[in-house]
Amino acid sequence: MESAEGLKQLLAESAIPPDSETGLKLASYLRLLEKWNARINLTSNTEWRVIGPMFREGIWASGFYPPGAAAHLDIGSGAGFPALLLKVLIPRVEMDLVESRVKKSQFLETVAQALGLSGVRAHAMRLGDYLGRADEGKRWNCISWKGLKLGSDDFVRLRAHAWKDTQFWMFHGTEPALEAAQAIEKMCELLRRERVPGRRESYLSIYRPA
C-alpha cells in the first residue's frame, strides 16, 4: 500500500477528515518525511508498513494527553514521532524537541515551519547540555521519550523541571526505558501503562511525581 493511501485510511479510522486542517498537516508531514528520508536516515524506509504504526501510535497516544497541558519536552525526537503528531493534534501545546543529531534537528525545524506549527523549538544538543542551559524556573507539563534509555541522573534533573502534576511519558518495550528503573519508581507513581495497538511488546507508561 502506498503511504499516502495508508494515511488516508488511518485518518478515516480515526475520524479525522483528510481535508481538515489536521488531516492536511499530517499529509504534508508525510510528504516531507518521504522527501527528507531520501537524503538522511530518518526512518529505515517510508513504506506504510514501517511508518504506518508510528502515525497510528501518535494519534492513539493523543487520546491520553493531559487536559490543559501547555508545555511539552520531548527527548530524542528523531523524525518527530510522536511529538510532532501530538503538536498537530493538540495545537495549543508548546514543544521543546531535544535531538542531538543536527540534520534530524533541522528536519524537525523544517516540518514545524512548513506546517505552520507555532511554539516548536528544536534543540540540536544532548539532554544534559540542554538542561544545563535551561532556566531554573523552566517547567513542562509533559515530558516524553522514545527509542532511548534515560540515565538516572538525567531523570533526577528532569524531575526538577516538573510541576506536581507533570506527566512523564515513557514509550518502551518489555524493559523500562530508563537505565535505573528504580529511580522513576521511587520518585513517581505510575498512572497507567497501555499497550500500543498494532505494535508487539510496545508500551506507553505514564508517571507523575509522587
Protein backbone atom coordinates (compact mmCIF):
# COMPACT_ATOMS: atom_id res chain seq x y z
CA MET A 1 0.00 0.00 0.00
CA GLU A 2 1.23 3.49 -0.83
CA SER A 3 1.90 5.53 2.31
CA ALA A 4 -0.40 8.37 1.20
CA GLU A 5 -3.28 5.92 0.81
CA GLY A 6 -2.43 4.27 4.12
CA LEU A 7 -2.57 7.61 5.89
CA LYS A 8 -5.96 8.38 4.33
CA GLN A 9 -7.31 5.10 5.67
CA LEU A 10 -5.86 5.75 9.12
CA LEU A 11 -7.39 9.24 9.19
CA ALA A 12 -10.78 7.79 8.26
CA GLU A 13 -10.48 5.19 11.03
CA SER A 14 -9.54 7.96 13.47
CA ALA A 15 -12.47 10.22 12.45
CA ILE A 16 -10.08 12.88 11.10
CA PRO A 17 -11.36 14.26 7.76
CA PRO A 18 -8.48 14.18 5.21
CA ASP A 19 -9.39 17.69 4.04
CA SER A 20 -9.44 19.13 7.58
CA GLU A 21 -6.58 21.29 8.81
CA THR A 22 -5.29 18.38 10.89
CA GLY A 23 -5.56 15.91 8.02
CA LEU A 24 -3.80 18.22 5.58
CA LYS A 25 -0.95 18.87 8.02
CA LEU A 26 -0.42 15.16 8.64
CA ALA A 27 -0.35 14.57 4.87
CA SER A 28 2.22 17.37 4.48
CA TYR A 29 4.29 15.85 7.27
CA LEU A 30 4.28 12.52 5.43
CA ARG A 31 5.45 14.14 2.19
CA LEU A 32 8.28 15.95 3.97
CA LEU A 33 9.30 12.72 5.67
CA GLU A 34 9.46 10.95 2.31
CA LYS A 35 11.45 13.78 0.75
CA TRP A 36 14.00 14.10 3.56
CA ASN A 37 14.36 10.38 4.10
CA ALA A 38 15.86 10.13 0.62
CA ARG A 39 18.76 12.27 1.88
CA ILE A 40 19.15 11.40 5.56
CA ASN A 41 18.20 8.34 7.59
CA LEU A 42 15.07 9.42 9.45
CA THR A 43 13.38 6.01 9.31
CA SER A 44 14.51 2.69 7.83
CA ASN A 45 12.19 3.49 4.90
CA THR A 46 8.91 5.27 4.25
CA GLU A 47 6.81 2.28 3.29
CA TRP A 48 3.48 2.31 5.10
CA ARG A 49 4.22 -0.99 6.83
CA VAL A 50 7.10 0.82 8.56
CA ILE A 51 5.77 4.32 9.21
CA GLY A 52 2.08 3.48 9.48
CA PRO A 53 2.41 2.13 13.04
CA MET A 54 4.25 5.34 14.01
CA PHE A 55 1.40 7.52 12.76
CA ARG A 56 -1.13 5.25 14.44
CA GLU A 57 0.79 5.37 17.72
CA GLY A 58 0.87 9.18 17.77
CA ILE A 59 -2.84 9.52 17.04
CA TRP A 60 -3.64 6.88 19.65
CA ALA A 61 -1.41 8.49 22.29
CA SER A 62 -3.09 11.87 21.82
CA GLY A 63 -6.18 10.40 23.45
CA PHE A 64 -4.32 10.21 26.79
CA TYR A 65 -2.91 13.73 26.67
CA PRO A 66 -3.35 15.67 29.95
CA PRO A 67 -6.09 18.31 29.70
CA GLY A 68 -4.77 21.83 29.97
CA ALA A 69 -1.13 20.88 29.39
CA ALA A 70 0.63 23.78 27.68
CA ALA A 71 4.34 22.90 27.60
CA HIS A 72 5.92 19.65 26.41
CA LEU A 73 9.53 18.44 26.35
CA ASP A 74 10.36 15.55 24.01
CA ILE A 75 13.76 13.88 24.27
CA GLY A 76 15.48 12.20 21.32
CA SER A 77 12.81 13.43 18.90
CA GLY A 78 14.34 11.84 15.80
CA ALA A 79 11.87 12.04 12.91
CA GLY A 80 9.22 13.58 15.15
CA PHE A 81 7.28 10.51 16.27
CA PRO A 82 5.19 11.01 18.30
CA ALA A 83 5.97 14.60 19.34
CA LEU A 84 5.16 16.38 16.07
CA LEU A 85 2.00 14.32 15.67
CA LEU A 86 0.90 15.39 19.15
CA LYS A 87 1.59 19.01 18.22
CA VAL A 88 -0.55 18.75 15.08
CA LEU A 89 -3.36 17.10 17.02
CA ILE A 90 -3.06 19.37 20.09
CA PRO A 91 -2.00 22.76 18.66
CA ARG A 92 -2.11 24.65 21.96
CA VAL A 93 0.96 22.83 23.29
CA GLU A 94 4.37 24.46 23.04
CA MET A 95 7.05 21.90 22.18
CA ASP A 96 10.74 21.73 23.05
CA LEU A 97 12.33 18.98 20.96
CA VAL A 98 15.79 17.81 22.05
CA GLU A 99 17.58 15.99 19.24
CA SER A 100 21.37 15.79 19.34
CA ARG A 101 21.80 14.91 15.64
CA VAL A 102 21.95 18.20 13.74
CA LYS A 103 20.37 17.01 10.48
CA LYS A 104 17.41 15.49 12.28
CA SER A 105 17.01 18.66 14.31
CA GLN A 106 16.98 20.61 11.04
CA PHE A 107 14.27 18.30 9.73
CA LEU A 108 12.13 18.96 12.80
CA GLU A 109 12.53 22.72 12.34
CA THR A 110 11.63 22.43 8.66
CA VAL A 111 8.46 20.48 9.39
CA ALA A 112 7.36 22.94 12.07
CA GLN A 113 7.87 25.86 9.71
CA ALA A 114 6.26 24.20 6.68
CA LEU A 115 3.20 23.13 8.67
CA GLY A 116 2.85 26.46 10.46
CA LEU A 117 3.32 24.88 13.87
CA SER A 118 3.96 27.79 16.22
CA GLY A 119 5.71 27.29 19.53
CA VAL A 120 8.01 24.48 18.35
CA ARG A 121 11.71 24.73 19.21
CA ALA A 122 14.25 22.12 18.13
CA HIS A 123 17.45 21.98 20.17
CA ALA A 124 20.42 20.27 18.47
CA MET A 125 22.18 19.12 21.63
CA ARG A 126 22.27 16.35 24.19
CA LEU A 127 19.76 16.39 27.00
CA GLY A 128 22.36 17.10 29.69
CA ASP A 129 23.68 20.11 27.78
CA TYR A 130 20.16 21.40 27.16
CA LEU A 131 19.14 21.09 30.80
CA GLY A 132 22.37 22.81 31.78
CA ARG A 133 21.31 25.83 29.75
CA ALA A 134 17.61 25.77 30.64
CA ASP A 135 16.32 28.39 33.04
CA GLU A 136 15.98 27.01 36.57
CA GLY A 137 12.35 28.04 36.59
CA LYS A 138 11.53 26.22 33.35
CA ARG A 139 8.76 23.66 33.80
CA TRP A 140 6.97 21.30 31.46
CA ASN A 141 3.54 19.72 31.84
CA CYS A 142 4.53 16.66 29.86
CA ILE A 143 7.98 15.11 29.32
CA SER A 144 8.32 12.25 26.86
CA TRP A 145 10.99 9.99 25.41
CA LYS A 146 11.06 7.08 22.98
CA GLY A 147 13.75 4.93 21.42
CA LEU A 148 16.35 5.62 24.09
CA LYS A 149 17.17 4.91 27.72
CA LEU A 150 17.46 7.86 30.05
CA GLY A 151 20.21 7.86 32.63
CA SER A 152 19.07 8.11 36.23
CA ASP A 153 20.97 11.39 36.68
CA ASP A 154 19.14 12.90 33.71
CA PHE A 155 15.83 11.79 35.17
CA VAL A 156 16.63 13.41 38.51
CA ARG A 157 17.41 16.65 36.68
CA LEU A 158 14.17 16.40 34.70
CA ARG A 159 12.23 15.95 37.93
CA ALA A 160 13.46 19.40 38.98
CA HIS A 161 11.76 20.86 35.89
CA ALA A 162 8.40 19.24 36.61
CA TRP A 163 5.25 20.50 38.27
CA LYS A 164 3.49 18.30 40.83
CA ASP A 165 1.08 17.16 38.11
CA THR A 166 3.60 16.87 35.26
CA GLN A 167 3.29 13.62 33.34
CA PHE A 168 6.33 11.60 32.27
CA TRP A 169 5.56 9.64 29.11
CA MET A 170 7.88 6.68 28.60
CA PHE A 171 7.49 4.74 25.34
CA HIS A 172 9.24 1.40 25.77
CA GLY A 173 9.43 -2.29 25.04
CA THR A 174 9.44 -5.09 27.58
CA GLU A 175 12.08 -3.28 29.63
CA PRO A 176 11.70 0.26 31.06
CA ALA A 177 13.42 2.98 29.02
CA LEU A 178 15.50 4.07 31.99
CA GLU A 179 18.95 2.83 32.98
CA ALA A 180 17.93 2.55 36.63
CA ALA A 181 14.23 1.75 36.62
CA GLN A 182 14.01 2.06 40.39
CA ALA A 183 14.73 5.79 40.09
CA ILE A 184 11.38 6.52 38.47
CA GLU A 185 9.60 4.12 40.83
CA LYS A 186 10.98 5.97 43.87
CA MET A 187 10.25 9.48 42.56
CA CYS A 188 6.99 8.91 40.68
CA GLU A 189 3.78 6.95 40.70
CA LEU A 190 2.53 5.02 37.70
CA LEU A 191 -0.75 6.44 36.40
CA ARG A 192 -1.27 3.96 33.59
CA ARG A 193 0.51 1.52 31.33
CA GLU A 194 -1.05 0.91 27.94
CA ARG A 195 -0.02 -1.47 25.19
CA VAL A 196 0.46 0.37 21.91
CA PRO A 197 -2.08 -1.02 19.42
CA GLY A 198 -0.62 -2.89 16.50
CA ARG A 199 2.89 -2.97 17.92
CA ARG A 200 4.14 -6.11 19.58
CA GLU A 201 5.71 -5.65 23.03
CA SER A 202 5.43 -1.87 22.84
CA TYR A 203 4.01 0.19 25.70
CA LEU A 204 3.31 3.70 26.91
CA SER A 205 3.82 4.15 30.64
CA ILE A 206 2.66 7.42 32.17
CA TYR A 207 4.00 8.60 35.52
CA ARG A 208 3.62 11.67 37.70
CA PRO A 209 5.73 12.90 40.62
CA ALA A 210 4.98 11.12 43.86
